[in-house]
Protein backbone atom coordinates (compact mmCIF):
# COMPACT_ATOMS: atom_id res chain seq x y z
CA UNK A 1 0.00 0.00 0.00
CA UNK A 2 1.09 3.53 -0.63
CA UNK A 3 0.86 6.69 1.44
CA UNK A 4 0.68 10.27 0.17
CA UNK A 5 2.86 12.29 2.53
CA UNK A 6 2.38 15.66 0.89
CA UNK A 7 3.13 17.44 -2.32
CA UNK A 8 3.69 14.90 -5.07
CA UNK A 9 5.39 12.39 -2.78
CA UNK A 10 3.96 8.92 -2.35
CA UNK A 11 5.84 6.22 -0.46
CA UNK A 12 5.33 2.50 0.12
CA UNK A 13 3.83 2.15 3.59
CA UNK A 14 5.46 -1.27 4.03
CA UNK A 15 8.88 0.43 4.19
CA UNK A 16 7.92 2.87 6.95
CA UNK A 17 9.87 2.22 10.14
CA UNK A 18 8.18 4.96 12.17
CA UNK A 19 6.28 8.22 12.09
CA UNK A 20 7.24 10.84 14.67
CA UNK A 21 6.08 14.26 15.79
CA UNK A 22 8.84 16.72 14.95
CA UNK A 23 8.19 19.04 17.91
CA UNK A 24 8.29 16.25 20.48
CA UNK A 25 11.40 14.61 19.03
CA UNK A 26 13.47 17.78 18.75
CA UNK A 27 12.89 18.66 22.40
CA UNK A 28 15.25 15.92 23.60
CA UNK A 29 18.97 15.79 22.92
CA UNK A 30 18.68 12.20 21.63
CA UNK A 31 16.03 13.25 19.14
CA UNK A 32 18.12 16.18 17.86
CA UNK A 33 21.20 13.96 17.67
CA UNK A 34 19.31 11.36 15.64
CA UNK A 35 18.19 13.96 13.12
CA UNK A 36 21.67 15.52 12.95
CA UNK A 37 23.31 12.13 12.35
CA UNK A 38 20.90 11.45 9.49
CA UNK A 39 20.94 14.99 8.06
CA UNK A 40 22.34 13.79 4.72
CA UNK A 41 19.38 11.40 4.36
CA UNK A 42 16.66 14.03 4.89
CA UNK A 43 14.10 14.58 2.15
CA UNK A 44 11.84 17.60 2.64
CA UNK A 45 8.44 16.94 1.11
CA UNK A 46 6.94 20.45 1.12
CA UNK A 47 8.50 23.83 1.70
CA UNK A 48 5.15 25.66 1.70
CA UNK A 49 4.14 24.83 5.26
CA UNK A 50 5.82 24.38 8.61
CA UNK A 51 7.05 20.77 9.02
CA UNK A 52 5.17 18.83 11.68
CA UNK A 53 6.42 15.25 11.47
CA UNK A 54 9.11 13.04 10.07
CA UNK A 55 9.01 9.53 8.71
CA UNK A 56 11.84 7.03 8.99
CA UNK A 57 11.78 5.08 5.73
CA UNK A 58 13.93 2.07 4.85
CA UNK A 59 14.16 0.60 1.36
CA UNK A 60 16.82 -0.85 -0.95
CA UNK A 61 18.56 2.55 -1.10
CA UNK A 62 18.90 2.68 2.68
CA UNK A 63 17.34 4.75 5.46
CA UNK A 64 15.79 8.12 4.66
CA UNK A 65 14.02 10.72 6.78
CA UNK A 66 11.05 12.39 5.14
CA UNK A 67 10.18 15.75 6.71
CA UNK A 68 6.43 16.21 6.26
CA UNK A 69 3.89 19.03 6.66
CA UNK A 70 1.21 16.72 8.07
CA UNK A 71 0.85 15.83 11.73
CA UNK A 72 1.82 12.28 12.64
CA UNK A 73 -1.79 11.54 13.67
CA UNK A 74 -3.01 12.45 10.17
CA UNK A 75 -0.49 10.12 8.54
CA UNK A 76 -1.42 7.27 10.89
CA UNK A 77 -5.12 7.73 10.06
CA UNK A 78 -4.28 7.54 6.35
CA UNK A 79 -2.39 4.31 6.87
CA UNK A 80 -5.27 2.79 8.86
CA UNK A 81 -7.77 3.80 6.16
CA UNK A 82 -5.66 2.03 3.56
CA UNK A 83 -5.71 -1.17 5.61
CA UNK A 84 -9.50 -1.41 5.68
PDB file of N, CA and C in Angstrom:
ATOM      1  N   UNK A   1       0.834  -1.168   0.000  1.00  0.00           N
ATOM      2  CA  UNK A   1       0.000   0.000   0.000  1.00  0.00           C
ATOM      3  C   UNK A   1       0.881   1.234   0.000  1.00  0.00           C
ATOM      4  N   UNK A   2       0.325   2.299  -0.494  1.00  0.00           N
ATOM      5  CA  UNK A   2       1.088   3.525  -0.627  1.00  0.00           C
ATOM      6  C   UNK A   2       0.451   4.633   0.200  1.00  0.00           C
ATOM      7  N   UNK A   3       1.293   5.599   0.589  1.00  0.00           N
ATOM      8  CA  UNK A   3       0.858   6.691   1.438  1.00  0.00           C
ATOM      9  C   UNK A   3       1.312   8.008   0.828  1.00  0.00           C
ATOM     10  N   UNK A   4       0.356   8.927   0.630  1.00  0.00           N
ATOM     11  CA  UNK A   4       0.681  10.271   0.174  1.00  0.00           C
ATOM     12  C   UNK A   4       1.108  11.077   1.390  1.00  0.00           C
ATOM     13  N   UNK A   5       2.345  11.556   1.381  1.00  0.00           N
ATOM     14  CA  UNK A   5       2.862  12.290   2.534  1.00  0.00           C
ATOM     15  C   UNK A   5       2.993  13.786   2.267  1.00  0.00           C
ATOM     16  N   UNK A   6       2.384  14.245   1.193  1.00  0.00           N
ATOM     17  CA  UNK A   6       2.384  15.665   0.893  1.00  0.00           C
ATOM     18  C   UNK A   6       3.021  15.955  -0.444  1.00  0.00           C
ATOM     19  N   UNK A   7       2.610  17.077  -1.020  1.00  0.00           N
ATOM     20  CA  UNK A   7       3.133  17.438  -2.324  1.00  0.00           C
ATOM     21  C   UNK A   7       2.836  16.340  -3.318  1.00  0.00           C
ATOM     22  N   UNK A   8       3.818  15.975  -4.086  1.00  0.00           N
ATOM     23  CA  UNK A   8       3.686  14.898  -5.066  1.00  0.00           C
ATOM     24  C   UNK A   8       4.391  13.628  -4.602  1.00  0.00           C
ATOM     25  N   UNK A   9       4.608  13.505  -3.306  1.00  0.00           N
ATOM     26  CA  UNK A   9       5.389  12.392  -2.777  1.00  0.00           C
ATOM     27  C   UNK A   9       4.490  11.284  -2.241  1.00  0.00           C
ATOM     28  N   UNK A  10       4.680  10.103  -2.794  1.00  0.00           N
ATOM     29  CA  UNK A  10       3.963   8.915  -2.351  1.00  0.00           C
ATOM     30  C   UNK A  10       5.007   7.849  -2.043  1.00  0.00           C
ATOM     31  N   UNK A  11       4.869   7.234  -0.864  1.00  0.00           N
ATOM     32  CA  UNK A  11       5.837   6.218  -0.464  1.00  0.00           C
ATOM     33  C   UNK A  11       5.113   4.907  -0.159  1.00  0.00           C
ATOM     34  N   UNK A  12       5.865   3.820  -0.207  1.00  0.00           N
ATOM     35  CA  UNK A  12       5.331   2.503   0.119  1.00  0.00           C
ATOM     36  C   UNK A  12       5.236   2.385   1.638  1.00  0.00           C
ATOM     37  N   UNK A  13       4.026   2.187   2.142  1.00  0.00           N
ATOM     38  CA  UNK A  13       3.829   2.148   3.594  1.00  0.00           C
ATOM     39  C   UNK A  13       4.492   0.935   4.243  1.00  0.00           C
ATOM     40  N   UNK A  14       4.798  -0.084   3.469  1.00  0.00           N
ATOM     41  CA  UNK A  14       5.463  -1.271   4.028  1.00  0.00           C
ATOM     42  C   UNK A  14       6.909  -0.977   4.427  1.00  0.00           C
ATOM     43  N   UNK A  15       7.492   0.085   3.883  1.00  0.00           N
ATOM     44  CA  UNK A  15       8.882   0.434   4.189  1.00  0.00           C
ATOM     45  C   UNK A  15       9.010   1.483   5.283  1.00  0.00           C
ATOM     46  N   UNK A  16       7.886   1.879   5.881  1.00  0.00           N
ATOM     47  CA  UNK A  16       7.924   2.874   6.954  1.00  0.00           C
ATOM     48  C   UNK A  16       8.352   2.191   8.246  1.00  0.00           C
ATOM     49  N   UNK A  17       9.386   2.733   8.860  1.00  0.00           N
ATOM     50  CA  UNK A  17       9.872   2.220  10.138  1.00  0.00           C
ATOM     51  C   UNK A  17       9.128   2.902  11.283  1.00  0.00           C
ATOM     52  N   UNK A  18       8.882   4.213  11.140  1.00  0.00           N
ATOM     53  CA  UNK A  18       8.178   4.955  12.175  1.00  0.00           C
ATOM     54  C   UNK A  18       7.778   6.337  11.706  1.00  0.00           C
ATOM     55  N   UNK A  19       6.749   6.871  12.346  1.00  0.00           N
ATOM     56  CA  UNK A  19       6.282   8.225  12.087  1.00  0.00           C
ATOM     57  C   UNK A  19       6.332   8.964  13.414  1.00  0.00           C
ATOM     58  N   UNK A  20       6.986  10.131  13.421  1.00  0.00           N
ATOM     59  CA  UNK A  20       7.241  10.839  14.666  1.00  0.00           C
ATOM     60  C   UNK A  20       6.852  12.304  14.569  1.00  0.00           C
ATOM     61  N   UNK A  21       6.400  12.845  15.684  1.00  0.00           N
ATOM     62  CA  UNK A  21       6.080  14.261  15.787  1.00  0.00           C
ATOM     63  C   UNK A  21       7.394  15.041  15.892  1.00  0.00           C
ATOM     64  N   UNK A  22       7.580  15.991  15.013  1.00  0.00           N
ATOM     65  CA  UNK A  22       8.840  16.723  14.945  1.00  0.00           C
ATOM     66  C   UNK A  22       9.074  17.561  16.199  1.00  0.00           C
ATOM     67  N   UNK A  23       8.032  18.217  16.713  1.00  0.00           N
ATOM     68  CA  UNK A  23       8.188  19.041  17.908  1.00  0.00           C
ATOM     69  C   UNK A  23       8.612  18.222  19.119  1.00  0.00           C
ATOM     70  N   UNK A  24       7.966  17.081  19.315  1.00  0.00           N
ATOM     71  CA  UNK A  24       8.290  16.248  20.478  1.00  0.00           C
ATOM     72  C   UNK A  24       9.686  15.636  20.380  1.00  0.00           C
ATOM     73  N   UNK A  25      10.100  15.264  19.189  1.00  0.00           N
ATOM     74  CA  UNK A  25      11.396  14.605  19.034  1.00  0.00           C
ATOM     75  C   UNK A  25      12.564  15.582  19.116  1.00  0.00           C
ATOM     76  N   UNK A  26      12.355  16.818  18.723  1.00  0.00           N
ATOM     77  CA  UNK A  26      13.468  17.776  18.751  1.00  0.00           C
ATOM     78  C   UNK A  26      13.638  18.426  20.110  1.00  0.00           C
ATOM     79  N   UNK A  27      12.757  18.127  21.049  1.00  0.00           N
ATOM     80  CA  UNK A  27      12.886  18.661  22.403  1.00  0.00           C
ATOM     81  C   UNK A  27      14.038  17.968  23.136  1.00  0.00           C
ATOM     82  N   UNK A  28      14.207  16.677  22.894  1.00  0.00           N
ATOM     83  CA  UNK A  28      15.246  15.924  23.597  1.00  0.00           C
ATOM     84  C   UNK A  28      16.565  15.948  22.825  1.00  0.00           C
ATOM     85  N   UNK A  29      17.644  15.818  23.546  1.00  0.00           N
ATOM     86  CA  UNK A  29      18.967  15.786  22.916  1.00  0.00           C
ATOM     87  C   UNK A  29      19.113  14.559  22.017  1.00  0.00           C
ATOM     88  N   UNK A  30      18.602  13.416  22.451  1.00  0.00           N
ATOM     89  CA  UNK A  30      18.682  12.196  21.633  1.00  0.00           C
ATOM     90  C   UNK A  30      17.942  12.366  20.310  1.00  0.00           C
ATOM     91  N   UNK A  31      16.795  13.009  20.363  1.00  0.00           N
ATOM     92  CA  UNK A  31      16.031  13.253  19.136  1.00  0.00           C
ATOM     93  C   UNK A  31      16.773  14.168  18.179  1.00  0.00           C
ATOM     94  N   UNK A  32      17.340  15.255  18.703  1.00  0.00           N
ATOM     95  CA  UNK A  32      18.121  16.176  17.862  1.00  0.00           C
ATOM     96  C   UNK A  32      19.359  15.487  17.307  1.00  0.00           C
ATOM     97  N   UNK A  33      20.015  14.686  18.130  1.00  0.00           N
ATOM     98  CA  UNK A  33      21.203  13.958  17.665  1.00  0.00           C
ATOM     99  C   UNK A  33      20.857  12.986  16.548  1.00  0.00           C
ATOM    100  N   UNK A  34      19.729  12.292  16.682  1.00  0.00           N
ATOM    101  CA  UNK A  34      19.309  11.356  15.644  1.00  0.00           C
ATOM    102  C   UNK A  34      19.110  12.077  14.318  1.00  0.00           C
ATOM    103  N   UNK A  35      18.434  13.200  14.352  1.00  0.00           N
ATOM    104  CA  UNK A  35      18.194  13.962  13.125  1.00  0.00           C
ATOM    105  C   UNK A  35      19.502  14.495  12.560  1.00  0.00           C
ATOM    106  N   UNK A  36      20.383  14.994  13.420  1.00  0.00           N
ATOM    107  CA  UNK A  36      21.673  15.521  12.948  1.00  0.00           C
ATOM    108  C   UNK A  36      22.552  14.434  12.341  1.00  0.00           C
ATOM    109  N   UNK A  37      22.517  13.243  12.897  1.00  0.00           N
ATOM    110  CA  UNK A  37      23.311  12.131  12.355  1.00  0.00           C
ATOM    111  C   UNK A  37      22.817  11.756  10.962  1.00  0.00           C
ATOM    112  N   UNK A  38      21.505  11.846  10.758  1.00  0.00           N
ATOM    113  CA  UNK A  38      20.902  11.449   9.485  1.00  0.00           C
ATOM    114  C   UNK A  38      20.599  12.631   8.571  1.00  0.00           C
ATOM    115  N   UNK A  39      21.243  13.766   8.814  1.00  0.00           N
ATOM    116  CA  UNK A  39      20.938  14.988   8.061  1.00  0.00           C
ATOM    117  C   UNK A  39      21.138  14.803   6.554  1.00  0.00           C
ATOM    118  N   UNK A  40      22.092  13.988   6.158  1.00  0.00           N
ATOM    119  CA  UNK A  40      22.340  13.787   4.724  1.00  0.00           C
ATOM    120  C   UNK A  40      21.256  12.938   4.062  1.00  0.00           C
ATOM    121  N   UNK A  41      20.435  12.264   4.876  1.00  0.00           N
ATOM    122  CA  UNK A  41      19.378  11.403   4.355  1.00  0.00           C
ATOM    123  C   UNK A  41      17.998  12.051   4.415  1.00  0.00           C
ATOM    124  N   UNK A  42      17.939  13.364   4.731  1.00  0.00           N
ATOM    125  CA  UNK A  42      16.657  14.035   4.891  1.00  0.00           C
ATOM    126  C   UNK A  42      16.105  14.453   3.540  1.00  0.00           C
ATOM    127  N   UNK A  43      14.828  14.167   3.352  1.00  0.00           N
ATOM    128  CA  UNK A  43      14.097  14.580   2.152  1.00  0.00           C
ATOM    129  C   UNK A  43      12.930  15.439   2.633  1.00  0.00           C
ATOM    130  N   UNK A  44      12.927  16.711   2.254  1.00  0.00           N
ATOM    131  CA  UNK A  44      11.840  17.598   2.641  1.00  0.00           C
ATOM    132  C   UNK A  44      10.746  17.519   1.595  1.00  0.00           C
ATOM    133  N   UNK A  45       9.541  17.171   2.032  1.00  0.00           N
ATOM    134  CA  UNK A  45       8.440  16.941   1.110  1.00  0.00           C
ATOM    135  C   UNK A  45       7.831  18.245   0.627  1.00  0.00           C
ATOM    136  N   UNK A  46       7.578  19.194   1.517  1.00  0.00           N
ATOM    137  CA  UNK A  46       6.942  20.445   1.121  1.00  0.00           C
ATOM    138  C   UNK A  46       7.589  21.601   1.845  1.00  0.00           C
ATOM    139  N   UNK A  47       7.902  22.636   1.105  1.00  0.00           N
ATOM    140  CA  UNK A  47       8.498  23.833   1.701  1.00  0.00           C
ATOM    141  C   UNK A  47       7.452  24.907   1.958  1.00  0.00           C
ATOM    142  N   UNK A  48       6.199  24.655   1.571  1.00  0.00           N
ATOM    143  CA  UNK A  48       5.151  25.660   1.695  1.00  0.00           C
ATOM    144  C   UNK A  48       4.664  25.840   3.127  1.00  0.00           C
ATOM    145  N   UNK A  49       4.672  24.784   3.904  1.00  0.00           N
ATOM    146  CA  UNK A  49       4.138  24.832   5.257  1.00  0.00           C
ATOM    147  C   UNK A  49       5.194  24.406   6.276  1.00  0.00           C
ATOM    148  N   UNK A  50       4.933  24.745   7.515  1.00  0.00           N
ATOM    149  CA  UNK A  50       5.821  24.381   8.607  1.00  0.00           C
ATOM    150  C   UNK A  50       5.832  22.865   8.783  1.00  0.00           C
ATOM    151  N   UNK A  51       7.001  22.231   8.848  1.00  0.00           N
ATOM    152  CA  UNK A  51       7.051  20.772   9.021  1.00  0.00           C
ATOM    153  C   UNK A  51       6.532  20.370  10.399  1.00  0.00           C
ATOM    154  N   UNK A  52       5.773  19.276  10.432  1.00  0.00           N
ATOM    155  CA  UNK A  52       5.168  18.826  11.680  1.00  0.00           C
ATOM    156  C   UNK A  52       5.583  17.423  12.089  1.00  0.00           C
ATOM    157  N   UNK A  53       6.053  16.626  11.132  1.00  0.00           N
ATOM    158  CA  UNK A  53       6.422  15.252  11.468  1.00  0.00           C
ATOM    159  C   UNK A  53       7.561  14.792  10.573  1.00  0.00           C
ATOM    160  N   UNK A  54       8.143  13.664  10.959  1.00  0.00           N
ATOM    161  CA  UNK A  54       9.112  13.036  10.072  1.00  0.00           C
ATOM    162  C   UNK A  54       8.881  11.535  10.069  1.00  0.00           C
ATOM    163  N   UNK A  55       9.222  10.951   8.937  1.00  0.00           N
ATOM    164  CA  UNK A  55       9.012   9.527   8.706  1.00  0.00           C
ATOM    165  C   UNK A  55      10.366   8.877   8.491  1.00  0.00           C
ATOM    166  N   UNK A  56      10.636   7.818   9.227  1.00  0.00           N
ATOM    167  CA  UNK A  56      11.842   7.028   8.988  1.00  0.00           C
ATOM    168  C   UNK A  56      11.445   5.953   7.988  1.00  0.00           C
ATOM    169  N   UNK A  57      12.140   5.939   6.860  1.00  0.00           N
ATOM    170  CA  UNK A  57      11.783   5.081   5.732  1.00  0.00           C
ATOM    171  C   UNK A  57      12.997   4.260   5.342  1.00  0.00           C
ATOM    172  N   UNK A  58      12.814   2.961   5.174  1.00  0.00           N
ATOM    173  CA  UNK A  58      13.928   2.073   4.850  1.00  0.00           C
ATOM    174  C   UNK A  58      13.569   1.241   3.617  1.00  0.00           C
ATOM    175  N   UNK A  59      14.358   1.398   2.569  1.00  0.00           N
ATOM    176  CA  UNK A  59      14.156   0.599   1.357  1.00  0.00           C
ATOM    177  C   UNK A  59      15.507   0.120   0.851  1.00  0.00           C
ATOM    178  N   UNK A  60      15.565  -0.322  -0.397  1.00  0.00           N
ATOM    179  CA  UNK A  60      16.816  -0.853  -0.949  1.00  0.00           C
ATOM    180  C   UNK A  60      17.931   0.200  -0.969  1.00  0.00           C
ATOM    181  N   UNK A  61      17.568   1.471  -1.053  1.00  0.00           N
ATOM    182  CA  UNK A  61      18.562   2.546  -1.098  1.00  0.00           C
ATOM    183  C   UNK A  61      19.124   2.869   0.281  1.00  0.00           C
ATOM    184  N   UNK A  62      18.461   2.411   1.319  1.00  0.00           N
ATOM    185  CA  UNK A  62      18.901   2.684   2.681  1.00  0.00           C
ATOM    186  C   UNK A  62      17.846   3.455   3.461  1.00  0.00           C
ATOM    187  N   UNK A  63      18.253   4.025   4.577  1.00  0.00           N
ATOM    188  CA  UNK A  63      17.341   4.748   5.460  1.00  0.00           C
ATOM    189  C   UNK A  63      17.260   6.205   5.029  1.00  0.00           C
ATOM    190  N   UNK A  64      16.031   6.718   4.974  1.00  0.00           N
ATOM    191  CA  UNK A  64      15.786   8.123   4.659  1.00  0.00           C
ATOM    192  C   UNK A  64      14.845   8.700   5.702  1.00  0.00           C
ATOM    193  N   UNK A  65      14.955  10.007   5.916  1.00  0.00           N
ATOM    194  CA  UNK A  65      14.022  10.720   6.778  1.00  0.00           C
ATOM    195  C   UNK A  65      13.222  11.674   5.910  1.00  0.00           C
ATOM    196  N   UNK A  66      11.923  11.488   5.871  1.00  0.00           N
ATOM    197  CA  UNK A  66      11.048  12.391   5.141  1.00  0.00           C
ATOM    198  C   UNK A  66      10.477  13.405   6.126  1.00  0.00           C
ATOM    199  N   UNK A  67      10.743  14.680   5.893  1.00  0.00           N
ATOM    200  CA  UNK A  67      10.178  15.748   6.708  1.00  0.00           C
ATOM    201  C   UNK A  67       8.857  16.140   6.049  1.00  0.00           C
ATOM    202  N   UNK A  68       7.771  16.117   6.821  1.00  0.00           N
ATOM    203  CA  UNK A  68       6.431  16.215   6.259  1.00  0.00           C
ATOM    204  C   UNK A  68       5.631  17.338   6.923  1.00  0.00           C
ATOM    205  N   UNK A  69       4.727  17.939   6.162  1.00  0.00           N
ATOM    206  CA  UNK A  69       3.893  19.031   6.658  1.00  0.00           C
ATOM    207  C   UNK A  69       2.692  18.547   7.457  1.00  0.00           C
ATOM    208  N   UNK A  70       2.372  17.261   7.372  1.00  0.00           N
ATOM    209  CA  UNK A  70       1.206  16.724   8.074  1.00  0.00           C
ATOM    210  C   UNK A  70       1.589  16.265   9.477  1.00  0.00           C
ATOM    211  N   UNK A  71       0.635  16.347  10.386  1.00  0.00           N
ATOM    212  CA  UNK A  71       0.854  15.828  11.730  1.00  0.00           C
ATOM    213  C   UNK A  71       0.936  14.311  11.679  1.00  0.00           C
ATOM    214  N   UNK A  72       1.649  13.731  12.615  1.00  0.00           N
ATOM    215  CA  UNK A  72       1.816  12.280  12.638  1.00  0.00           C
ATOM    216  C   UNK A  72       0.466  11.571  12.775  1.00  0.00           C
ATOM    217  N   UNK A  73      -0.468  12.155  13.509  1.00  0.00           N
ATOM    218  CA  UNK A  73      -1.787  11.536  13.670  1.00  0.00           C
ATOM    219  C   UNK A  73      -2.536  11.461  12.339  1.00  0.00           C
ATOM    220  N   UNK A  74      -2.373  12.454  11.482  1.00  0.00           N
ATOM    221  CA  UNK A  74      -3.014  12.450  10.168  1.00  0.00           C
ATOM    222  C   UNK A  74      -2.441  11.325   9.310  1.00  0.00           C
ATOM    223  N   UNK A  75      -1.130  11.176   9.329  1.00  0.00           N
ATOM    224  CA  UNK A  75      -0.486  10.122   8.545  1.00  0.00           C
ATOM    225  C   UNK A  75      -0.899   8.738   9.034  1.00  0.00           C
ATOM    226  N   UNK A  76      -0.993   8.569  10.343  1.00  0.00           N
ATOM    227  CA  UNK A  76      -1.417   7.274  10.891  1.00  0.00           C
ATOM    228  C   UNK A  76      -2.855   6.948  10.507  1.00  0.00           C
ATOM    229  N   UNK A  77      -3.732   7.948  10.496  1.00  0.00           N
ATOM    230  CA  UNK A  77      -5.118   7.727  10.063  1.00  0.00           C
ATOM    231  C   UNK A  77      -5.157   7.303   8.603  1.00  0.00           C
ATOM    232  N   UNK A  78      -4.325   7.914   7.775  1.00  0.00           N
ATOM    233  CA  UNK A  78      -4.283   7.542   6.349  1.00  0.00           C
ATOM    234  C   UNK A  78      -3.839   6.097   6.168  1.00  0.00           C
ATOM    235  N   UNK A  79      -2.860   5.686   6.955  1.00  0.00           N
ATOM    236  CA  UNK A  79      -2.393   4.306   6.874  1.00  0.00           C
ATOM    237  C   UNK A  79      -3.505   3.345   7.287  1.00  0.00           C
ATOM    238  N   UNK A  80      -4.190   3.660   8.380  1.00  0.00           N
ATOM    239  CA  UNK A  80      -5.270   2.793   8.857  1.00  0.00           C
ATOM    240  C   UNK A  80      -6.406   2.713   7.855  1.00  0.00           C
ATOM    241  N   UNK A  81      -6.716   3.814   7.181  1.00  0.00           N
ATOM    242  CA  UNK A  81      -7.774   3.805   6.164  1.00  0.00           C
ATOM    243  C   UNK A  81      -7.394   2.912   4.994  1.00  0.00           C
ATOM    244  N   UNK A  82      -6.124   2.879   4.660  1.00  0.00           N
ATOM    245  CA  UNK A  82      -5.664   2.033   3.556  1.00  0.00           C
ATOM    246  C   UNK A  82      -5.727   0.553   3.904  1.00  0.00           C
ATOM    247  N   UNK A  83      -5.680   0.224   5.190  1.00  0.00           N
ATOM    248  CA  UNK A  83      -5.709  -1.171   5.612  1.00  0.00           C
ATOM    249  C   UNK A  83      -7.113  -1.768   5.599  1.00  0.00           C
ATOM    250  N   UNK A  84      -8.122  -0.922   5.644  1.00  0.00           N
ATOM    251  CA  UNK A  84      -9.504  -1.411   5.675  1.00  0.00           C
ATOM    252  C   UNK A  84      -9.951  -1.868   4.311  1.00  0.00           C
TER     253      UNK A  84
END
